[in-house]
Amino acid sequence: MSEFAWNSEVADQPEAEHSEPEEKQLDEPAASAETLALSVNDFSALEEKILRAVNMVKRERQARTAVEERLAKAEAQLREQAPLAEQLQSEVNALRAERDQVKQRVERLLGQLDALEL
C-alpha cells in the first residue's frame, strides 16, 4: 500500500524537480565509481604488497631452515673433529718438545767439536 503512495507522490512532482535528483544520482554513481576504482587500485596495490611480503617471508624461512641445517651439520663435524684436533695438538706439542731436545743435543755436539779444534 505504501508503494502505491510513493508512486503517486513521484507522479505528482513536476518534471523539473524530478530531473535534478536524477542528475545528482547520475553524478553520484560516477563519483562512487571513481572512488571504487581508486579503492580497487589501492586494494590491488595492497594485495601485491602483501603477496610480496608473504613470498619474502617464505624465502627467508627457507633460507633460515637451510642455514640451520648447515649449522647442525657443521656442529656435528666439529664434534667429530674435536678429538682429532686435540690429538693433533698434543702431537704438535710432543714434536716441538722433541725438536727442542734435538736442537739442544746438536748445539752440545757442535760445542764439543769447536772445543776439539782449539
C-alpha atoms as a PDB file:
ATOM      1  CA  MET A   1       0.000   0.000   0.000  1.00  0.00           C
ATOM      2  CA  SER A   2       2.911   2.378   0.733  1.00  0.00           C
ATOM      3  CA  GLU A   3       4.395   1.543  -2.666  1.00  0.00           C
ATOM      4  CA  PHE A   4       1.346   2.952  -4.380  1.00  0.00           C
ATOM      5  CA  ALA A   5       1.504   6.071  -2.262  1.00  0.00           C
ATOM      6  CA  TRP A   6       5.146   6.532  -3.231  1.00  0.00           C
ATOM      7  CA  ASN A   7       4.381   6.142  -6.922  1.00  0.00           C
ATOM      8  CA  SER A   8       1.597   8.694  -6.752  1.00  0.00           C
ATOM      9  CA  GLU A   9       3.823  11.238  -4.995  1.00  0.00           C
ATOM     10  CA  VAL A  10       6.532  10.813  -7.607  1.00  0.00           C
ATOM     11  CA  ALA A  11       3.979  11.186 -10.378  1.00  0.00           C
ATOM     12  CA  ASP A  12       2.608  14.385  -8.787  1.00  0.00           C
ATOM     13  CA  GLN A  13       6.022  16.139  -8.715  1.00  0.00           C
ATOM     14  CA  PRO A  14       6.846  18.462 -11.612  1.00  0.00           C
ATOM     15  CA  GLU A  15       9.432  17.218 -14.108  1.00  0.00           C
ATOM     16  CA  ALA A  16      11.930  19.993 -13.305  1.00  0.00           C
ATOM     17  CA  GLU A  17      12.129  18.937  -9.693  1.00  0.00           C
ATOM     18  CA  HIS A  18      12.268  15.307 -10.716  1.00  0.00           C
ATOM     19  CA  SER A  19      15.114  15.765 -13.216  1.00  0.00           C
ATOM     20  CA  GLU A  20      17.527  17.450 -10.792  1.00  0.00           C
ATOM     21  CA  PRO A  21      17.733  14.494  -8.399  1.00  0.00           C
ATOM     22  CA  GLU A  22      18.343  12.205 -11.381  1.00  0.00           C
ATOM     23  CA  GLU A  23      21.360  14.328 -12.372  1.00  0.00           C
ATOM     24  CA  LYS A  24      22.694  14.057  -8.830  1.00  0.00           C
ATOM     25  CA  GLN A  25      22.068  10.352  -8.936  1.00  0.00           C
ATOM     26  CA  LEU A  26      23.976  10.140 -12.209  1.00  0.00           C
ATOM     27  CA  ASP A  27      26.874  12.150 -10.779  1.00  0.00           C
ATOM     28  CA  GLU A  28      26.968  10.187  -7.554  1.00  0.00           C
ATOM     29  CA  PRO A  29      27.472   6.799  -9.234  1.00  0.00           C
ATOM     30  CA  ALA A  30      30.242   8.306 -11.371  1.00  0.00           C
ATOM     31  CA  ALA A  31      31.943   9.726  -8.295  1.00  0.00           C
ATOM     32  CA  SER A  32      31.297   6.474  -6.497  1.00  0.00           C
ATOM     33  CA  ALA A  33      32.747   4.546  -9.440  1.00  0.00           C
ATOM     34  CA  GLU A  34      35.899   6.707  -9.345  1.00  0.00           C
ATOM     35  CA  THR A  35      36.181   6.151  -5.620  1.00  0.00           C
ATOM     36  CA  LEU A  36      35.523   2.474  -6.157  1.00  0.00           C
ATOM     37  CA  ALA A  37      38.116   2.327  -8.931  1.00  0.00           C
ATOM     38  CA  LEU A  38      40.596   4.115  -6.723  1.00  0.00           C
ATOM     39  CA  SER A  39      39.769   1.754  -3.902  1.00  0.00           C
ATOM     40  CA  VAL A  40      40.195  -1.228  -6.210  1.00  0.00           C
ATOM     41  CA  ASN A  41      43.594   0.137  -7.304  1.00  0.00           C
ATOM     42  CA  ASP A  42      44.575   0.735  -3.701  1.00  0.00           C
ATOM     43  CA  PHE A  43      43.350  -2.724  -2.808  1.00  0.00           C
ATOM     44  CA  SER A  44      45.290  -4.261  -5.699  1.00  0.00           C
ATOM     45  CA  ALA A  45      48.443  -2.423  -4.645  1.00  0.00           C
ATOM     46  CA  LEU A  46      47.945  -3.581  -1.056  1.00  0.00           C
ATOM     47  CA  GLU A  47      47.303  -7.119  -2.239  1.00  0.00           C
ATOM     48  CA  GLU A  48      50.506  -7.032  -4.299  1.00  0.00           C
ATOM     49  CA  LYS A  49      52.498  -5.742  -1.329  1.00  0.00           C
ATOM     50  CA  ILE A  50      51.066  -8.462   0.889  1.00  0.00           C
ATOM     51  CA  LEU A  51      51.898 -11.148  -1.673  1.00  0.00           C
ATOM     52  CA  ARG A  52      55.451  -9.830  -1.960  1.00  0.00           C
ATOM     53  CA  ALA A  53      55.762  -9.797   1.829  1.00  0.00           C
ATOM     54  CA  VAL A  54      54.436 -13.358   2.059  1.00  0.00           C
ATOM     55  CA  ASN A  55      56.878 -14.516  -0.614  1.00  0.00           C
ATOM     56  CA  MET A  56      59.728 -12.737   1.151  1.00  0.00           C
ATOM     57  CA  VAL A  57      58.819 -14.400   4.451  1.00  0.00           C
ATOM     58  CA  LYS A  58      58.682 -17.794   2.702  1.00  0.00           C
ATOM     59  CA  ARG A  59      62.117 -17.247   1.153  1.00  0.00           C
ATOM     60  CA  GLU A  60      63.551 -16.088   4.467  1.00  0.00           C
ATOM     61  CA  ARG A  61      62.122 -19.113   6.262  1.00  0.00           C
ATOM     62  CA  GLN A  62      63.592 -21.425   3.621  1.00  0.00           C
ATOM     63  CA  ALA A  63      66.933 -19.668   3.898  1.00  0.00           C
ATOM     64  CA  ARG A  64      66.789 -19.883   7.683  1.00  0.00           C
ATOM     65  CA  THR A  65      65.980 -23.585   7.512  1.00  0.00           C
ATOM     66  CA  ALA A  66      68.886 -24.141   5.127  1.00  0.00           C
ATOM     67  CA  VAL A  67      71.243 -22.211   7.407  1.00  0.00           C
ATOM     68  CA  GLU A  68      70.050 -24.134  10.450  1.00  0.00           C
ATOM     69  CA  GLU A  69      70.680 -27.414   8.612  1.00  0.00           C
ATOM     70  CA  ARG A  70      74.173 -26.269   7.601  1.00  0.00           C
ATOM     71  CA  LEU A  71      74.828 -25.191  11.186  1.00  0.00           C
ATOM     72  CA  ALA A  72      73.709 -28.562  12.533  1.00  0.00           C
ATOM     73  CA  LYS A  73      75.996 -30.364  10.063  1.00  0.00           C
ATOM     74  CA  ALA A  74      78.907 -28.075  10.923  1.00  0.00           C
ATOM     75  CA  GLU A  75      78.368 -28.624  14.646  1.00  0.00           C
ATOM     76  CA  ALA A  76      78.252 -32.391  14.103  1.00  0.00           C
ATOM     77  CA  GLN A  77      81.505 -32.239  12.118  1.00  0.00           C
ATOM     78  CA  LEU A  78      83.060 -30.102  14.824  1.00  0.00           C
ATOM     79  CA  ARG A  79      82.091 -32.637  17.479  1.00  0.00           C
ATOM     80  CA  GLU A  80      83.566 -35.412  15.326  1.00  0.00           C
ATOM     81  CA  GLN A  81      86.751 -33.485  14.606  1.00  0.00           C
ATOM     82  CA  ALA A  82      87.336 -32.168  18.131  1.00  0.00           C
ATOM     83  CA  PRO A  83      89.068 -35.344  19.393  1.00  0.00           C
ATOM     84  CA  LEU A  84      91.224 -35.442  16.275  1.00  0.00           C
ATOM     85  CA  ALA A  85      92.156 -31.776  16.732  1.00  0.00           C
ATOM     86  CA  GLU A  86      93.104 -32.452  20.360  1.00  0.00           C
ATOM     87  CA  GLN A  87      95.200 -35.449  19.311  1.00  0.00           C
ATOM     88  CA  LEU A  88      96.950 -33.430  16.615  1.00  0.00           C
ATOM     89  CA  GLN A  89      97.609 -30.600  19.044  1.00  0.00           C
ATOM     90  CA  SER A  90      99.204 -32.996  21.527  1.00  0.00           C
ATOM     91  CA  GLU A  91     101.326 -34.484  18.705  1.00  0.00           C
ATOM     92  CA  VAL A  92     102.460 -30.995  17.692  1.00  0.00           C
ATOM     93  CA  ASN A  93     103.391 -30.243  21.294  1.00  0.00           C
ATOM     94  CA  ALA A  94     105.324 -33.528  21.541  1.00  0.00           C
ATOM     95  CA  LEU A  95     107.138 -32.813  18.255  1.00  0.00           C
ATOM     96  CA  ARG A  96     108.068 -29.323  19.438  1.00  0.00           C
ATOM     97  CA  ALA A  97     109.448 -30.739  22.660  1.00  0.00           C
ATOM     98  CA  GLU A  98     111.407 -33.356  20.688  1.00  0.00           C
ATOM     99  CA  ARG A  99     112.716 -30.661  18.323  1.00  0.00           C
ATOM    100  CA  ASP A 100     113.938 -28.611  21.301  1.00  0.00           C
ATOM    101  CA  GLN A 101     115.739 -31.686  22.682  1.00  0.00           C
ATOM    102  CA  VAL A 102     117.355 -32.402  19.309  1.00  0.00           C
ATOM    103  CA  LYS A 103     118.360 -28.762  18.990  1.00  0.00           C
ATOM    104  CA  GLN A 104     119.993 -28.858  22.433  1.00  0.00           C
ATOM    105  CA  ARG A 105     121.871 -32.079  21.561  1.00  0.00           C
ATOM    106  CA  VAL A 106     123.082 -30.653  18.235  1.00  0.00           C
ATOM    107  CA  GLU A 107     124.255 -27.474  19.982  1.00  0.00           C
ATOM    108  CA  ARG A 108     126.104 -29.585  22.580  1.00  0.00           C
ATOM    109  CA  LEU A 109     127.775 -31.657  19.847  1.00  0.00           C
ATOM    110  CA  LEU A 110     128.760 -28.527  17.921  1.00  0.00           C
ATOM    111  CA  GLY A 111     130.172 -27.114  21.123  1.00  0.00           C
ATOM    112  CA  GLN A 112     132.256 -30.284  21.625  1.00  0.00           C
ATOM    113  CA  LEU A 113     133.529 -30.094  18.027  1.00  0.00           C
ATOM    114  CA  ASP A 114     134.531 -26.472  18.497  1.00  0.00           C
ATOM    115  CA  ALA A 115     136.410 -27.453  21.658  1.00  0.00           C
ATOM    116  CA  LEU A 116     138.389 -30.095  19.740  1.00  0.00           C
ATOM    117  CA  GLU A 117     139.617 -27.700  17.090  1.00  0.00           C
ATOM    118  CA  LEU A 118     141.293 -25.429  19.562  1.00  0.00           C
END
